[in-house]
């Protein structure tokens, strides 16, 4: 759009005429609607990444330290997980169940489960 200084007198009169028509139409719109003419909404500002306050980071860090202290225990070292042990009776039950499955599979003519 060119600046107002570079417009001719005739163009300036045309600009004024158009502006007056716009104002008249706005007034007519207000009369029809019965309220204020809605101003055009400002374009929404794009949202960047949200930050976290220093206090929030401190709370998160404190909670994580507390979780690690609970895992490490008193001496400060992480203890290796204990291996699970199965009783001899439990192993015998599992072996018997597996043998029964295979007997059933062989009877059905299968060579794999």
Foldseek 3Di string as FASTA:
>chain_A
DDDPVPDDPVVVVVVVVVVVVVVVVLVVVCVVVVHHDDDDDDDDDDDDDDDDDPVVVVVVVVVVVVVQCVQCDDVNHHDDDDDDDDDPVRVVVVVVVVVVVVVVCVVVVHPDD
